[in-house]
N, C-alpha and C. Protein backbone atom coordinates (compact mmCIF):
# COMPACT_ATOMS: atom_id res chain seq x y z
N MET A 1 0.92 -1.41 0.20
CA MET A 1 -0.03 0.20 -0.12
C MET A 1 1.02 0.86 0.29
N SER A 2 0.59 1.81 -1.10
CA SER A 2 1.66 3.67 -1.26
C SER A 2 0.80 4.38 -0.51
N GLN A 3 -0.44 4.76 -0.30
CA GLN A 3 -1.15 5.28 0.24
C GLN A 3 -1.35 5.82 1.79
N ASN A 4 -1.39 6.95 1.90
CA ASN A 4 -1.74 7.46 3.35
C ASN A 4 -2.75 6.57 3.80
N LEU A 5 -2.10 6.36 5.35
CA LEU A 5 -3.46 5.79 5.94
C LEU A 5 -4.10 6.67 7.10
N ILE A 6 -5.68 6.03 6.76
CA ILE A 6 -6.69 7.19 7.26
C ILE A 6 -7.37 6.61 8.25
N GLU A 7 -7.18 7.12 9.70
CA GLU A 7 -7.53 7.29 10.87
C GLU A 7 -9.16 6.91 10.87
N GLY A 8 -9.69 5.59 11.49
CA GLY A 8 -11.12 5.73 11.32
C GLY A 8 -11.14 4.53 10.07
N ILE A 9 -10.73 4.72 8.61
CA ILE A 9 -10.61 3.95 7.51
C ILE A 9 -9.97 3.08 7.59
N HIS A 10 -8.89 2.99 7.86
CA HIS A 10 -7.60 1.83 7.48
C HIS A 10 -7.15 1.62 8.63
N PHE A 11 -7.36 1.89 10.00
CA PHE A 11 -7.00 1.79 11.05
C PHE A 11 -7.87 2.43 12.32
N TYR A 12 -7.40 1.97 13.67
CA TYR A 12 -8.27 3.06 14.87
C TYR A 12 -7.49 2.34 16.14
N HIS A 13 -7.49 2.92 16.88
CA HIS A 13 -7.25 2.71 18.41
C HIS A 13 -7.85 1.85 19.51
N ASP A 14 -7.66 0.92 19.82
CA ASP A 14 -8.51 0.28 20.58
C ASP A 14 -8.13 0.69 22.07
N GLU A 15 -9.20 -0.42 23.15
CA GLU A 15 -9.45 0.38 23.92
C GLU A 15 -8.23 0.05 24.98
N HIS A 16 -7.02 -0.15 24.95
CA HIS A 16 -5.71 -0.68 25.11
C HIS A 16 -4.58 0.42 24.69
N GLY A 17 -5.27 1.14 23.62
CA GLY A 17 -3.97 2.27 22.91
C GLY A 17 -3.32 1.62 21.59
N TYR A 18 -3.34 -0.06 21.30
CA TYR A 18 -3.14 -0.55 20.23
C TYR A 18 -3.75 -0.14 19.11
N ILE A 19 -3.02 0.00 17.79
CA ILE A 19 -3.48 0.20 16.68
C ILE A 19 -3.90 -1.00 16.08
N VAL A 20 -5.48 -0.83 15.72
CA VAL A 20 -6.05 -2.23 14.97
C VAL A 20 -5.91 -1.37 13.31
N PHE A 21 -5.47 -2.61 12.54
CA PHE A 21 -5.71 -2.33 11.10
C PHE A 21 -7.55 -2.78 10.78
N THR A 22 -8.27 -2.21 9.88
CA THR A 22 -9.35 -2.46 9.76
C THR A 22 -9.55 -3.78 8.45
N GLU A 23 -10.79 -3.99 8.32
CA GLU A 23 -10.92 -4.95 7.15
C GLU A 23 -10.76 -4.30 5.83
N LYS A 24 -11.42 -3.08 5.37
CA LYS A 24 -10.64 -2.57 4.41
C LYS A 24 -8.67 -2.10 3.94
N TYR A 25 -8.42 -1.95 5.31
CA TYR A 25 -7.07 -2.02 5.12
C TYR A 25 -6.55 -3.62 4.88
N HIS A 26 -6.83 -4.52 4.99
CA HIS A 26 -6.29 -5.38 4.73
C HIS A 26 -6.88 -6.36 3.25
N ILE A 27 -7.83 -5.60 2.78
CA ILE A 27 -8.38 -6.20 1.57
C ILE A 27 -7.37 -5.33 0.70
N GLU A 28 -7.43 -4.00 1.03
CA GLU A 28 -6.58 -3.18 -0.14
C GLU A 28 -4.98 -3.49 0.04
N LYS A 29 -4.48 -4.30 1.10
CA LYS A 29 -2.99 -4.60 1.02
C LYS A 29 -3.20 -6.08 0.07
N GLY A 30 -4.30 -7.01 0.35
CA GLY A 30 -4.20 -8.00 -0.81
C GLY A 30 -4.03 -9.23 -0.28
N HIS A 31 -3.80 -9.42 1.09
CA HIS A 31 -3.42 -11.02 1.29
C HIS A 31 -3.10 -10.73 2.69
N CYS A 32 -3.13 -12.31 3.69
CA CYS A 32 -3.47 -12.75 4.75
C CYS A 32 -1.49 -12.32 5.14
N CYS A 33 -1.19 -11.82 6.46
CA CYS A 33 -0.04 -11.49 6.53
C CYS A 33 0.58 -12.67 7.56
N GLY A 34 -0.53 -13.26 8.45
CA GLY A 34 -0.05 -14.35 8.69
C GLY A 34 0.14 -13.99 10.39
N HIS A 35 -0.64 -12.96 10.95
CA HIS A 35 0.11 -12.53 11.84
C HIS A 35 -0.92 -12.74 13.13
N GLY A 36 -2.20 -12.99 12.51
CA GLY A 36 -3.40 -13.18 12.86
C GLY A 36 -4.47 -11.79 13.69
N CYS A 37 -4.03 -10.90 12.62
CA CYS A 37 -5.22 -9.61 12.85
C CYS A 37 -6.51 -9.85 12.94
N ARG A 38 -7.10 -9.18 13.80
CA ARG A 38 -7.88 -8.69 14.13
C ARG A 38 -9.23 -9.02 13.04
N HIS A 39 -8.87 -8.17 12.25
CA HIS A 39 -10.20 -7.81 11.17
C HIS A 39 -9.52 -8.78 9.59
N CYS A 40 -9.06 -9.74 10.19
CA CYS A 40 -8.87 -10.41 8.53
C CYS A 40 -9.11 -11.04 7.94
N PRO A 41 -9.77 -10.63 6.60
CA PRO A 41 -10.74 -11.04 5.65
C PRO A 41 -10.06 -12.45 4.92
N TYR A 42 -9.15 -12.84 5.05
CA TYR A 42 -8.68 -14.10 4.32
C TYR A 42 -8.86 -15.53 5.17
N GLN A 43 -9.56 -15.02 6.43
CA GLN A 43 -9.78 -16.60 7.12
C GLN A 43 -8.47 -17.18 7.47
N TYR A 44 -7.54 -16.11 7.75
CA TYR A 44 -6.25 -16.35 8.60
C TYR A 44 -5.21 -17.72 7.98
N GLU A 45 -5.62 -17.22 6.85
CA GLU A 45 -4.64 -18.21 5.74
C GLU A 45 -3.34 -18.76 5.56
N SER A 46 -2.67 -17.70 6.02
CA SER A 46 -1.23 -17.83 5.99
C SER A 46 -0.85 -17.82 7.68
N VAL A 47 -1.99 -18.10 9.21
CA VAL A 47 -1.02 -17.91 10.13
C VAL A 47 -1.10 -19.86 10.20
N PRO A 48 -0.03 -20.15 10.78
CA PRO A 48 0.13 -21.48 11.24
C PRO A 48 -0.88 -22.30 12.06
N GLU A 49 -1.07 -23.52 12.21
CA GLU A 49 -1.90 -24.56 13.21
C GLU A 49 -1.35 -24.18 14.42
N PRO A 50 -1.93 -24.64 15.41
CA PRO A 50 -3.33 -24.40 15.91
C PRO A 50 -3.89 -23.07 15.93
N ARG A 51 -2.64 -21.57 15.74
CA ARG A 51 -3.41 -20.57 16.35
C ARG A 51 -4.19 -20.49 15.00
N ARG A 52 -4.12 -20.86 13.93
CA ARG A 52 -5.67 -20.46 12.81
C ARG A 52 -6.50 -21.27 13.23
N SER A 53 -6.90 -22.10 13.62
CA SER A 53 -8.05 -22.52 14.32
C SER A 53 -8.59 -21.88 15.38
N GLU A 54 -7.83 -21.68 16.47
CA GLU A 54 -8.09 -21.03 17.34
C GLU A 54 -8.53 -19.51 17.05
N LEU A 55 -8.20 -19.01 16.03
CA LEU A 55 -8.71 -17.03 15.80
C LEU A 55 -10.18 -18.02 15.04
N LEU A 56 -10.16 -18.92 13.75
CA LEU A 56 -11.77 -18.83 13.70
C LEU A 56 -12.60 -18.76 14.33
N LEU A 57 -12.33 -19.91 15.06
CA LEU A 57 -12.96 -19.81 16.24
C LEU A 57 -14.00 -18.67 17.06
N GLN A 58 -12.77 -18.17 17.58
CA GLN A 58 -12.93 -16.52 18.42
C GLN A 58 -13.61 -16.24 17.03
N LYS A 59 -13.60 -15.73 16.12
CA LYS A 59 -14.51 -15.10 14.94
C LYS A 59 -15.57 -15.44 14.96
N GLU A 60 -15.81 -16.83 14.88
CA GLU A 60 -16.98 -17.45 14.79
C GLU A 60 -18.16 -17.00 16.17
N SER A 61 -17.46 -17.47 17.08
CA SER A 61 -17.99 -16.99 18.35
C SER A 61 -18.26 -15.65 18.79
N THR A 62 -17.11 -14.56 18.04
CA THR A 62 -17.71 -13.32 17.93
C THR A 62 -18.92 -12.80 17.10
N SER A 63 -18.85 -13.60 16.18
CA SER A 63 -20.03 -13.08 14.97
C SER A 63 -21.04 -13.40 15.20
N ALA A 64 -21.67 -14.88 16.04
CA ALA A 64 -22.28 -15.36 16.62
C ALA A 64 -23.35 -14.33 17.69
N THR A 65 -22.60 -14.04 18.50
CA THR A 65 -22.99 -12.94 19.64
C THR A 65 -23.44 -11.77 19.26
N LYS A 66 -23.17 -11.46 18.11
CA LYS A 66 -23.41 -9.88 17.40
C LYS A 66 -24.55 -10.15 17.00
N GLN A 67 -25.13 -11.41 16.21
CA GLN A 67 -26.34 -11.34 15.88
C GLN A 67 -27.67 -11.70 16.11
């Protein structure tokens, strides 16, 4: 990504002060980096097991509670 990042669109600060990249940022990046990012739209495809399965379960349970 060669563009400037915009707070609120590409990232935000969570309640602990960490910078969190948004799904839009990841889509524009174009691939899973393997770090287990909170808003990964690529189903954590580059994250090694067993962490990948843990993240997918966590994401599934979080989306189920929002419905």
